[in-house]
Amino acid sequence: MGSRSEATDRPTVLLQDESGIEEWWDGELDPGMMSDPGGHHAEGVLKDFWESAGWETEENEDDEDAGETIAPFTGSWPELAPPGRTAAGPDTTAADVVKALVGHSLKSPRLALVPVGRAADLPAAIGWSGPVNYENDVARLCAVLRSWEDRFGVRVVALSYARLDLSVAAPPQTLDEALAVAAEHFAFCPDNIWQGYESIRVYAEDALVGNPHWTFWWD
């Protein structure tokens, strides 16, 4: 998954909807809603998201906790994380992550072959609307996925109703590296921190260091 099918030379992805795969084909997928990922710049997208998520975080923090959620960062966009060091081949890593997912969080996935040039463009190409409460145009998120594909060997391996699973061939190996990546994750999907961890720092420590599997869920 996330790699190309040998028979068709098309990127593949696992699709699952928690309440039944048939709902995917009843208005849930709409490629016509999406722009071209190539028309967006990853850092510009993340900077916009960072500023919006940072403002909302600040509005909801108590005075005594001000700034703790995004520490050690401040309100200014911290720039892109440097590329990671590849621990394994992207296709091998993708296969390992899929093996761990199937039968656990993915109970009844179906394999999709998608006519798209880059695996990072899969969500936009099929018109996935999982993050609709956060961003209507998934192509903007795909621009970030392209950047992660280049810097971290990321592959899109699975999509469900509002969840995105990625394999990561070059995950951060130290806390400092993980913090830089965590800032991008907070911009990309603040629910990862707001609803699962106390802060970007805790998220970096617990979810990113050495982890070849990144998961995003939008409320």
Protein backbone atom coordinates (compact mmCIF):
# COMPACT_ATOMS: atom_id res chain seq x y z
CA MET A 1 0.00 0.00 0.00
CA GLY A 2 1.28 3.40 -0.93
CA SER A 3 3.50 1.62 -3.45
CA ARG A 4 2.57 0.80 -7.03
CA SER A 5 0.73 -2.29 -8.17
CA GLU A 6 3.03 -4.39 -10.33
CA ALA A 7 0.12 -5.32 -12.60
CA THR A 8 -1.18 -1.79 -13.21
CA ASP A 9 1.68 0.53 -12.16
CA ARG A 10 -0.83 2.52 -10.10
CA PRO A 11 -0.47 3.59 -6.46
CA THR A 12 -2.54 1.50 -4.05
CA VAL A 13 -4.31 2.36 -0.81
CA LEU A 14 -6.57 0.54 1.65
CA LEU A 15 -10.05 2.01 2.10
CA GLN A 16 -12.32 1.38 5.04
CA ASP A 17 -15.38 3.13 6.41
CA GLU A 18 -16.28 2.18 9.95
CA SER A 19 -20.00 2.02 9.20
CA GLY A 20 -19.74 0.15 5.89
CA ILE A 21 -17.63 0.49 2.79
CA GLU A 22 -20.69 1.23 0.65
CA GLU A 23 -20.95 4.72 2.18
CA TRP A 24 -17.74 5.68 0.43
CA TRP A 25 -19.60 5.55 -2.89
CA ASP A 26 -22.63 7.52 -1.74
CA GLY A 27 -21.37 11.07 -1.87
CA GLU A 28 -18.42 10.62 0.49
CA LEU A 29 -15.86 10.69 -2.33
CA ASP A 30 -15.89 13.71 -4.63
CA PRO A 31 -12.72 14.32 -6.69
CA GLY A 32 -14.37 17.34 -8.33
CA MET A 33 -14.19 19.24 -5.03
CA MET A 34 -10.40 19.10 -4.94
CA SER A 35 -7.80 21.32 -6.59
CA ASP A 36 -4.40 20.18 -7.89
CA PRO A 37 -1.89 19.39 -5.13
CA GLY A 38 0.82 20.78 -7.38
CA GLY A 39 -0.78 24.20 -7.10
CA HIS A 40 0.01 24.46 -3.40
CA HIS A 41 3.28 24.92 -1.50
CA ALA A 42 3.68 22.68 1.53
CA GLU A 43 5.30 25.25 3.81
CA GLY A 44 2.76 27.92 2.92
CA VAL A 45 -0.07 25.51 3.71
CA LEU A 46 1.47 24.49 7.03
CA LYS A 47 2.18 28.09 7.98
CA ASP A 48 -1.48 29.00 7.40
CA PHE A 49 -2.66 26.01 9.43
CA TRP A 50 -0.14 26.71 12.20
CA GLU A 51 -1.34 30.26 12.65
CA SER A 52 -4.99 29.20 12.70
CA ALA A 53 -4.44 26.29 15.11
CA GLY A 54 -2.19 28.41 17.31
CA TRP A 55 -4.81 31.12 17.59
CA GLU A 56 -7.53 28.60 18.50
CA THR A 57 -5.25 26.96 21.05
CA GLU A 58 -4.49 30.31 22.65
CA GLU A 59 -8.20 31.12 22.87
CA ASN A 60 -8.93 27.87 24.71
CA GLU A 61 -5.99 27.77 27.11
CA ASP A 62 -6.29 28.98 30.69
CA ASP A 63 -4.05 31.88 31.64
CA GLU A 64 -1.92 29.63 33.85
CA ASP A 65 -1.38 27.19 30.97
CA ALA A 66 -0.77 29.80 28.28
CA GLY A 67 1.73 28.61 25.70
CA GLU A 68 2.17 25.13 27.16
CA THR A 69 0.37 23.27 24.38
CA ILE A 70 2.73 24.41 21.64
CA ALA A 71 5.90 24.73 23.75
CA PRO A 72 8.80 24.84 22.99
CA PHE A 73 7.43 26.79 20.03
CA THR A 74 5.75 30.18 20.07
CA GLY A 75 3.11 31.71 17.85
CA SER A 76 5.49 32.09 14.91
CA TRP A 77 5.70 29.31 12.32
CA PRO A 78 8.92 27.35 13.15
CA GLU A 79 9.77 26.35 9.54
CA LEU A 80 9.94 22.88 8.00
CA ALA A 81 11.71 20.01 9.73
CA PRO A 82 14.89 18.74 8.06
CA PRO A 83 14.74 15.45 6.14
CA GLY A 84 14.91 12.24 8.13
CA ARG A 85 17.42 9.40 7.87
CA THR A 86 15.98 6.40 6.09
CA ALA A 87 15.75 3.35 8.33
CA ALA A 88 14.25 1.05 5.66
CA GLY A 89 12.92 1.22 2.11
CA PRO A 90 9.59 3.07 1.77
CA ASP A 91 7.84 0.08 0.18
CA THR A 92 9.15 -2.32 2.82
CA THR A 93 8.06 0.03 5.59
CA ALA A 94 4.62 0.44 3.99
CA ALA A 95 4.16 -3.34 3.82
CA ASP A 96 5.11 -3.72 7.49
CA VAL A 97 2.69 -1.00 8.60
CA VAL A 98 -0.14 -2.48 6.54
CA LYS A 99 0.49 -5.91 8.03
CA ALA A 100 0.13 -4.44 11.51
CA LEU A 101 -3.03 -2.52 10.58
CA VAL A 102 -5.03 -5.26 8.83
CA GLY A 103 -7.17 -7.19 11.26
CA HIS A 104 -6.70 -4.61 13.98
CA SER A 105 -7.73 -1.01 13.29
CA LEU A 106 -8.57 -2.02 9.70
CA LYS A 107 -11.15 -4.78 10.04
CA SER A 108 -12.45 -5.03 6.46
CA PRO A 109 -10.36 -2.91 4.11
CA ARG A 110 -10.62 -2.92 0.35
CA LEU A 111 -7.71 -2.29 -1.97
CA ALA A 112 -8.01 0.69 -4.31
CA LEU A 113 -5.86 1.23 -7.40
CA VAL A 114 -5.72 4.94 -8.14
CA PRO A 115 -4.69 6.51 -11.49
CA VAL A 116 -2.43 9.18 -10.06
CA GLY A 117 1.22 10.07 -10.58
CA ARG A 118 2.24 10.37 -6.94
CA ALA A 119 1.04 8.27 -4.03
CA ALA A 120 0.89 11.44 -1.92
CA ASP A 121 -1.92 12.68 -4.18
CA LEU A 122 -4.17 9.68 -3.46
CA PRO A 123 -6.56 11.42 -1.02
CA ALA A 124 -7.28 14.27 -3.45
CA ALA A 125 -7.45 11.97 -6.47
CA ILE A 126 -10.28 9.94 -4.94
CA GLY A 127 -11.98 12.99 -3.43
CA TRP A 128 -11.55 11.91 0.18
CA SER A 129 -13.34 14.27 2.58
CA GLY A 130 -12.12 12.97 5.95
CA PRO A 131 -10.73 16.32 7.17
CA VAL A 132 -13.76 18.31 5.95
CA ASN A 133 -14.30 19.91 9.38
CA TYR A 134 -10.76 21.26 9.20
CA GLU A 135 -10.01 21.71 5.48
CA ASN A 136 -12.36 21.30 2.52
CA ASP A 137 -9.68 21.04 -0.16
CA VAL A 138 -7.67 17.89 0.60
CA ALA A 139 -5.25 18.84 -2.19
CA ARG A 140 -3.69 21.31 0.27
CA LEU A 141 -2.99 18.46 2.65
CA CYS A 142 -1.63 16.41 -0.25
CA ALA A 143 0.90 19.16 -0.90
CA VAL A 144 2.18 18.49 2.62
CA LEU A 145 2.11 14.73 1.99
CA ARG A 146 4.29 15.31 -1.09
CA SER A 147 6.80 17.12 1.08
CA TRP A 148 6.74 14.34 3.68
CA GLU A 149 7.12 11.79 0.90
CA ASP A 150 10.32 13.56 -0.16
CA ARG A 151 11.70 14.25 3.34
CA PHE A 152 10.56 11.21 5.33
CA GLY A 153 9.77 8.47 2.81
CA VAL A 154 6.08 8.65 3.68
CA ARG A 155 3.47 6.50 1.92
CA VAL A 156 -0.31 6.81 2.19
CA VAL A 157 -1.33 3.30 3.24
CA ALA A 158 -4.93 3.60 4.46
CA LEU A 159 -7.91 5.94 4.56
CA SER A 160 -11.07 5.60 6.60
CA TYR A 161 -13.93 7.96 7.38
CA ALA A 162 -11.83 10.66 9.05
CA ARG A 163 -8.51 8.88 9.57
CA LEU A 164 -5.31 8.83 7.53
CA ASP A 165 -2.55 6.25 8.06
CA LEU A 166 0.96 6.81 6.74
CA SER A 167 4.06 4.63 6.76
CA VAL A 168 7.31 6.48 7.43
CA ALA A 169 10.63 5.13 6.16
CA ALA A 170 12.67 7.93 7.78
CA PRO A 171 11.00 8.80 11.10
CA PRO A 172 12.66 11.21 13.56
CA GLN A 173 15.17 9.45 15.80
CA THR A 174 15.74 12.04 18.53
CA LEU A 175 13.46 14.27 20.56
CA ASP A 176 14.77 17.39 18.84
CA GLU A 177 14.02 15.87 15.43
CA ALA A 178 10.61 14.72 16.64
CA LEU A 179 9.71 18.17 17.97
CA ALA A 180 10.33 19.72 14.57
CA VAL A 181 8.09 17.11 12.95
CA ALA A 182 5.48 17.44 15.69
CA ALA A 183 5.08 21.13 14.88
CA GLU A 184 4.15 20.16 11.33
CA HIS A 185 1.74 17.52 12.61
CA PHE A 186 0.07 20.08 14.87
CA ALA A 187 -0.49 22.35 11.88
CA PHE A 188 -1.62 19.46 9.67
CA CYS A 189 -4.00 17.93 12.23
CA PRO A 190 -4.24 19.74 15.58
CA ASP A 191 -6.72 17.15 16.84
CA ASN A 192 -3.74 14.79 17.20
CA ILE A 193 -2.52 16.99 20.04
CA TRP A 194 -5.75 18.57 21.29
CA GLN A 195 -7.55 15.26 21.74
CA GLY A 196 -4.75 12.82 22.42
CA TYR A 197 -1.82 14.52 24.14
CA GLU A 198 -1.20 17.38 26.55
CA SER A 199 1.27 19.18 24.33
CA ILE A 200 3.41 19.07 21.22
CA ARG A 201 6.33 17.95 23.39
CA VAL A 202 4.47 14.97 24.84
CA TYR A 203 3.23 14.05 21.37
CA ALA A 204 6.77 14.18 19.99
CA GLU A 205 8.09 11.97 22.79
CA ASP A 206 5.30 9.40 22.80
CA ALA A 207 4.15 9.22 19.18
CA LEU A 208 7.00 10.19 16.89
CA VAL A 209 10.49 9.16 18.00
CA GLY A 210 11.43 6.13 15.90
CA ASN A 211 7.81 5.45 14.91
CA PRO A 212 7.35 4.27 11.29
CA HIS A 213 3.57 4.75 11.46
CA TRP A 214 1.86 8.16 11.58
CA THR A 215 -1.89 8.38 12.14
CA PHE A 216 -4.11 11.45 11.79
CA TRP A 217 -7.73 11.80 12.84
CA TRP A 218 -9.95 14.84 12.37
CA ASP A 219 -12.96 15.34 14.64
